[in-house]
N, C-alpha and C. Protein backbone atom coordinates (compact mmCIF):
# COMPACT_ATOMS: atom_id res chain seq x y z
N UNK A 1 -16.28 -8.41 0.17
CA UNK A 1 -14.96 -7.68 -1.00
C UNK A 1 -14.14 -8.87 -1.33
N UNK A 2 -13.57 -9.56 -0.09
CA UNK A 2 -12.27 -10.13 -0.03
C UNK A 2 -12.49 -11.57 -0.77
N UNK A 3 -13.67 -11.85 -0.51
CA UNK A 3 -14.31 -13.53 -0.91
C UNK A 3 -14.27 -12.87 -2.69
N UNK A 4 -14.98 -12.12 -3.16
CA UNK A 4 -15.23 -12.07 -4.21
C UNK A 4 -13.91 -11.62 -5.33
N UNK A 5 -13.12 -10.95 -4.68
CA UNK A 5 -11.82 -10.69 -5.48
C UNK A 5 -10.87 -11.58 -5.40
N UNK A 6 -10.88 -12.83 -4.31
CA UNK A 6 -9.58 -14.06 -4.43
C UNK A 6 -10.61 -14.60 -5.36
N UNK A 7 -11.89 -15.00 -5.63
CA UNK A 7 -12.63 -15.78 -6.29
C UNK A 7 -12.51 -15.23 -8.02
N UNK A 8 -12.66 -14.32 -8.04
CA UNK A 8 -12.16 -13.72 -9.58
C UNK A 8 -10.92 -13.86 -9.92
N UNK A 9 -9.79 -13.30 -9.14
CA UNK A 9 -8.10 -13.19 -9.35
C UNK A 9 -8.25 -14.86 -9.30
N UNK A 10 -8.57 -16.10 -8.84
CA UNK A 10 -8.27 -17.31 -9.01
C UNK A 10 -8.96 -17.82 -10.64
N UNK A 11 -9.83 -16.73 -11.12
CA UNK A 11 -10.70 -17.63 -12.49
C UNK A 11 -9.71 -17.09 -13.19
N UNK A 12 -9.14 -16.03 -12.98
CA UNK A 12 -8.45 -15.03 -14.09
C UNK A 12 -7.19 -15.76 -13.88
N UNK A 13 -6.36 -16.23 -13.01
CA UNK A 13 -5.04 -16.91 -12.77
C UNK A 13 -4.92 -18.23 -13.34
N UNK A 14 -5.86 -18.56 -12.92
CA UNK A 14 -5.84 -20.13 -13.74
C UNK A 14 -6.62 -20.48 -14.67
N UNK A 15 -6.56 -19.51 -15.76
CA UNK A 15 -7.13 -19.84 -16.85
C UNK A 15 -6.47 -20.85 -17.49
N UNK A 16 -7.08 -21.48 -18.53
CA UNK A 16 -6.50 -23.00 -19.54
C UNK A 16 -5.61 -22.02 -20.35
N UNK A 17 -4.57 -22.45 -20.88
CA UNK A 17 -3.61 -21.95 -21.99
C UNK A 17 -4.07 -22.02 -23.20
N UNK A 18 -4.47 -21.26 -24.02
CA UNK A 18 -4.69 -21.27 -25.65
C UNK A 18 -6.16 -20.93 -25.52
N UNK A 19 -6.66 -20.80 -24.62
CA UNK A 19 -8.08 -20.70 -24.15
C UNK A 19 -8.51 -18.85 -23.71
N UNK A 20 -9.16 -18.40 -24.29
CA UNK A 20 -9.74 -16.80 -23.99
C UNK A 20 -10.55 -17.45 -22.50
N UNK A 21 -9.91 -16.52 -21.61
CA UNK A 21 -10.96 -16.69 -20.22
C UNK A 21 -12.16 -16.14 -20.20
N UNK A 22 -13.00 -17.24 -19.87
CA UNK A 22 -14.59 -16.59 -19.64
C UNK A 22 -14.93 -16.63 -17.76
N UNK A 23 -15.44 -16.00 -17.66
CA UNK A 23 -15.51 -15.94 -16.02
C UNK A 23 -17.22 -15.19 -16.13
N UNK A 24 -18.25 -15.73 -14.99
CA UNK A 24 -19.38 -15.65 -15.11
C UNK A 24 -19.96 -15.64 -13.40
N UNK A 25 -20.21 -14.36 -13.02
CA UNK A 25 -20.91 -14.12 -12.38
C UNK A 25 -22.43 -14.25 -12.00
N UNK A 26 -22.95 -14.74 -10.75
CA UNK A 26 -24.27 -15.01 -10.88
C UNK A 26 -24.90 -14.78 -9.56
N UNK A 27 -25.60 -13.99 -8.88
CA UNK A 27 -26.40 -14.05 -7.92
C UNK A 27 -27.91 -14.29 -7.72
N UNK A 28 -28.25 -15.49 -6.83
CA UNK A 28 -29.40 -15.53 -6.80
C UNK A 28 -30.21 -16.17 -5.14
N UNK A 29 -31.08 -15.55 -4.98
CA UNK A 29 -31.92 -16.37 -3.80
C UNK A 29 -32.76 -17.66 -3.86
N UNK A 30 -32.36 -18.03 -2.96
CA UNK A 30 -32.96 -19.39 -2.90
C UNK A 30 -34.13 -19.62 -1.35
N UNK A 31 -35.10 -19.15 -1.56
CA UNK A 31 -35.71 -18.80 -0.31
C UNK A 31 -35.07 -17.73 1.11
N UNK A 32 -34.31 -18.75 2.31
CA UNK A 32 -33.66 -17.89 2.82
C UNK A 32 -32.24 -17.81 2.62
N UNK A 33 -31.64 -17.96 1.38
CA UNK A 33 -30.50 -17.87 0.86
C UNK A 33 -30.08 -17.36 0.08
N UNK A 34 -28.82 -16.70 0.14
CA UNK A 34 -28.69 -15.79 -1.31
C UNK A 34 -27.19 -16.24 -1.69
N UNK A 35 -27.06 -16.84 -3.04
CA UNK A 35 -25.78 -17.66 -3.33
C UNK A 35 -25.14 -16.65 -4.23
N UNK A 36 -24.09 -16.98 -4.40
CA UNK A 36 -23.41 -15.75 -5.29
C UNK A 36 -22.45 -17.17 -5.88
N UNK A 37 -21.96 -17.31 -7.36
CA UNK A 37 -21.44 -18.20 -8.05
C UNK A 37 -20.59 -17.43 -8.92
N UNK A 38 -19.33 -17.92 -8.98
CA UNK A 38 -18.07 -17.59 -9.64
C UNK A 38 -17.73 -18.74 -10.93
N UNK A 39 -18.14 -18.88 -11.78
CA UNK A 39 -17.73 -20.07 -13.03
C UNK A 39 -16.75 -19.40 -13.70
N UNK A 40 -15.79 -20.54 -14.20
CA UNK A 40 -15.16 -19.81 -15.28
C UNK A 40 -14.54 -21.05 -15.94
N UNK A 41 -13.99 -21.20 -17.26
CA UNK A 41 -13.51 -22.18 -18.01
C UNK A 41 -12.40 -22.39 -18.09
N UNK A 42 -11.62 -22.26 -16.85
CA UNK A 42 -10.10 -22.57 -16.67
C UNK A 42 -10.00 -24.12 -16.62
N UNK A 43 -8.44 -24.07 -15.82
CA UNK A 43 -7.97 -25.17 -15.60
C UNK A 43 -8.66 -26.66 -15.20
N UNK A 44 -9.52 -26.40 -14.40
CA UNK A 44 -10.22 -27.01 -13.59
C UNK A 44 -9.41 -27.71 -12.41
N UNK A 45 -9.91 -28.61 -11.83
CA UNK A 45 -9.84 -29.50 -10.69
C UNK A 45 -10.25 -30.77 -10.53
N UNK A 46 -9.57 -32.10 -10.06
CA UNK A 46 -9.67 -33.27 -10.04
C UNK A 46 -10.21 -33.32 -8.60
N UNK A 47 -11.24 -34.67 -8.24
CA UNK A 47 -11.71 -34.66 -7.22
C UNK A 47 -10.68 -34.42 -5.95
N UNK A 48 -9.63 -35.19 -6.51
CA UNK A 48 -8.44 -35.15 -5.14
C UNK A 48 -8.03 -33.89 -4.71
N UNK A 49 -7.83 -32.81 -5.82
CA UNK A 49 -7.70 -31.55 -5.66
C UNK A 49 -8.19 -30.68 -5.16
N UNK A 50 -10.03 -31.19 -5.61
CA UNK A 50 -11.17 -30.60 -4.62
C UNK A 50 -10.94 -30.73 -3.42
N UNK A 51 -10.91 -31.78 -3.09
CA UNK A 51 -10.50 -32.34 -1.26
C UNK A 51 -9.71 -31.18 -1.00
N UNK A 52 -8.46 -30.98 -1.30
CA UNK A 52 -7.54 -30.41 -0.51
C UNK A 52 -7.71 -28.68 -0.78
N UNK A 53 -8.45 -28.23 -1.57
CA UNK A 53 -8.74 -27.26 -1.83
C UNK A 53 -8.64 -25.72 -1.04
N UNK A 54 -9.60 -26.32 0.09
CA UNK A 54 -9.49 -24.85 1.28
C UNK A 54 -8.57 -25.21 2.45
N UNK A 55 -7.50 -26.04 1.84
CA UNK A 55 -6.34 -25.98 2.99
C UNK A 55 -5.85 -25.12 3.57
N UNK A 56 -4.70 -24.85 4.32
CA UNK A 56 -3.87 -23.60 4.58
C UNK A 56 -2.58 -24.20 3.92
N UNK A 57 -2.14 -23.15 3.08
CA UNK A 57 -1.01 -23.10 2.43
C UNK A 57 -0.90 -24.25 1.12
N UNK A 58 -1.92 -24.43 0.67
CA UNK A 58 -2.40 -25.79 -0.23
C UNK A 58 -2.03 -24.99 -1.69
N UNK A 59 -1.31 -25.29 -2.12
CA UNK A 59 -0.91 -24.59 -4.13
C UNK A 59 -1.16 -26.13 -4.78
N UNK A 60 -1.86 -25.67 -5.74
CA UNK A 60 -2.12 -27.11 -6.36
C UNK A 60 -1.46 -27.09 -7.66
N UNK A 61 -1.29 -25.84 -7.82
CA UNK A 61 -0.56 -25.75 -9.70
C UNK A 61 0.41 -24.83 -9.29
N UNK A 62 1.63 -25.40 -9.71
CA UNK A 62 3.52 -24.89 -9.32
C UNK A 62 3.23 -23.52 -10.52
N UNK A 63 2.70 -23.81 -11.77
CA UNK A 63 2.87 -22.56 -12.63
C UNK A 63 2.23 -20.95 -12.03
N UNK A 64 1.84 -21.22 -11.26
CA UNK A 64 1.31 -19.43 -10.63
C UNK A 64 1.38 -19.22 -9.40
N UNK A 65 1.97 -18.30 -9.41
CA UNK A 65 2.70 -17.56 -8.08
C UNK A 65 1.63 -17.59 -6.54
N UNK A 66 1.80 -17.67 -5.58
CA UNK A 66 0.83 -17.38 -4.54
C UNK A 66 1.28 -18.27 -3.10
N UNK A 67 0.52 -17.89 -2.05
CA UNK A 67 1.00 -18.45 -0.99
C UNK A 67 0.22 -19.89 -0.45
N UNK A 68 -1.14 -19.80 -1.37
CA UNK A 68 -1.96 -21.02 -0.84
C UNK A 68 -2.92 -20.50 0.43
N UNK A 69 -3.11 -19.30 0.23
CA UNK A 69 -3.84 -19.01 1.60
C UNK A 69 -5.21 -18.55 1.29
N UNK A 70 -5.50 -18.18 0.28
CA UNK A 70 -6.46 -17.38 -0.32
C UNK A 70 -7.68 -17.87 -0.16
N UNK A 71 -7.95 -19.69 -0.47
CA UNK A 71 -9.08 -19.93 -0.52
C UNK A 71 -9.26 -20.50 1.06
N UNK A 72 -8.25 -20.62 1.61
CA UNK A 72 -8.11 -21.07 3.20
C UNK A 72 -8.95 -19.81 3.57
N UNK A 73 -9.04 -18.67 3.62
CA UNK A 73 -8.98 -17.54 4.24
C UNK A 73 -10.71 -17.28 3.59
N UNK A 74 -10.76 -17.29 2.47
CA UNK A 74 -12.26 -17.16 1.76
C UNK A 74 -13.40 -18.34 2.51
N UNK A 75 -13.07 -19.12 3.02
CA UNK A 75 -14.08 -20.38 3.50
C UNK A 75 -13.93 -19.77 4.82
N UNK A 76 -12.86 -19.63 5.20
CA UNK A 76 -12.91 -19.22 6.93
C UNK A 76 -14.07 -17.85 7.11
N UNK A 77 -13.78 -17.10 6.26
CA UNK A 77 -14.58 -15.57 6.10
C UNK A 77 -16.31 -16.10 5.71
N UNK A 78 -16.05 -17.22 5.14
CA UNK A 78 -18.04 -17.29 4.42
C UNK A 78 -18.41 -18.16 5.69
N UNK A 79 -17.83 -18.90 6.45
CA UNK A 79 -18.06 -19.66 7.46
C UNK A 79 -18.26 -18.90 8.71
N UNK A 80 -17.68 -17.86 9.12
CA UNK A 80 -17.77 -17.13 9.92
C UNK A 80 -18.55 -15.98 9.77
N UNK A 81 -19.54 -15.70 8.78
CA UNK A 81 -20.59 -14.77 8.62
C UNK A 81 -21.88 -15.89 8.30
N UNK A 82 -21.58 -17.28 8.89
CA UNK A 82 -22.92 -18.33 9.01
C UNK A 82 -23.05 -19.03 7.40
N UNK A 83 -22.36 -18.62 6.46
CA UNK A 83 -22.88 -19.23 5.05
C UNK A 83 -21.64 -20.32 5.07
N UNK A 84 -21.63 -20.91 3.71
CA UNK A 84 -20.95 -22.13 3.11
C UNK A 84 -20.61 -21.73 1.68
N UNK A 85 -19.20 -22.30 1.44
CA UNK A 85 -18.65 -22.73 0.10
C UNK A 85 -18.77 -23.94 -0.58
N UNK A 86 -18.54 -23.94 -1.75
CA UNK A 86 -18.69 -25.69 -2.45
C UNK A 86 -17.85 -24.99 -3.51
N UNK A 87 -17.58 -26.05 -4.19
CA UNK A 87 -16.72 -25.87 -5.52
C UNK A 87 -17.23 -27.16 -6.03
N UNK A 88 -17.43 -26.99 -7.43
CA UNK A 88 -18.10 -27.86 -8.60
C UNK A 88 -17.14 -27.96 -9.81
N UNK A 89 -15.94 -28.82 -10.27
CA UNK A 89 -15.03 -28.28 -10.87
C UNK A 89 -14.72 -29.86 -12.26
N UNK A 90 -14.01 -29.48 -13.10
CA UNK A 90 -14.29 -30.75 -13.90
C UNK A 90 -12.55 -30.31 -15.12
N UNK A 91 -11.48 -31.21 -14.63
CA UNK A 91 -10.22 -30.93 -15.20
C UNK A 91 -10.37 -30.58 -16.87
N UNK A 92 -10.08 -29.45 -17.45
CA UNK A 92 -10.20 -29.29 -18.82
C UNK A 92 -11.64 -28.06 -19.26
N UNK A 93 -11.88 -28.10 -18.05
CA UNK A 93 -13.53 -27.70 -18.42
C UNK A 93 -13.82 -26.85 -17.52
N UNK A 94 -13.29 -26.81 -16.41
CA UNK A 94 -13.59 -25.32 -15.64
C UNK A 94 -13.90 -25.56 -13.99
N UNK A 95 -14.40 -24.44 -13.57
CA UNK A 95 -14.69 -24.78 -11.97
C UNK A 95 -15.75 -23.49 -11.43
N UNK A 96 -16.81 -24.14 -11.01
CA UNK A 96 -17.71 -23.10 -10.04
C UNK A 96 -17.50 -23.27 -9.05
N UNK A 97 -17.51 -21.95 -8.14
CA UNK A 97 -17.84 -21.83 -6.87
C UNK A 97 -19.16 -21.04 -6.29
N UNK A 98 -19.54 -21.86 -5.54
CA UNK A 98 -21.01 -21.21 -4.90
C UNK A 98 -20.77 -20.79 -3.38
N UNK A 99 -21.15 -19.58 -2.97
CA UNK A 99 -20.82 -19.13 -2.01
C UNK A 99 -22.48 -18.78 -1.27
N UNK A 100 -22.97 -19.60 -0.21
CA UNK A 100 -24.57 -19.29 0.20
C UNK A 100 -24.34 -18.80 1.24
N UNK A 101 -25.07 -17.41 1.46
CA UNK A 101 -25.13 -16.70 2.76
C UNK A 101 -26.81 -16.79 3.37
N UNK A 102 -27.10 -17.17 4.77
CA UNK A 102 -28.39 -16.63 5.01
C UNK A 102 -28.57 -15.32 4.76
N UNK A 103 -30.17 -15.15 4.30
CA UNK A 103 -30.46 -13.93 3.64
C UNK A 103 -30.81 -13.19 4.97
């Protein structure tokens, strides 16, 4: 539950100014894996930012309040459950987080 809450919360918090936020949730199975995807049309992240994203106390946008621990905790929870989390993003276009768990 906290995984989904954090990803949805970030999708809303980091929406692009002047553009209505759009968030898409998708869940699908791929053989022995169940994948949850959270996609938004927000600010997006550069490749450099993506490389830092899951670090503890990392804050990539100063205009939004936060402690910088949310995605770090999400990654820990996912990995402790035997899963993986990945991110695909493009600045100005949006971000997609994919969380995969063994079925």
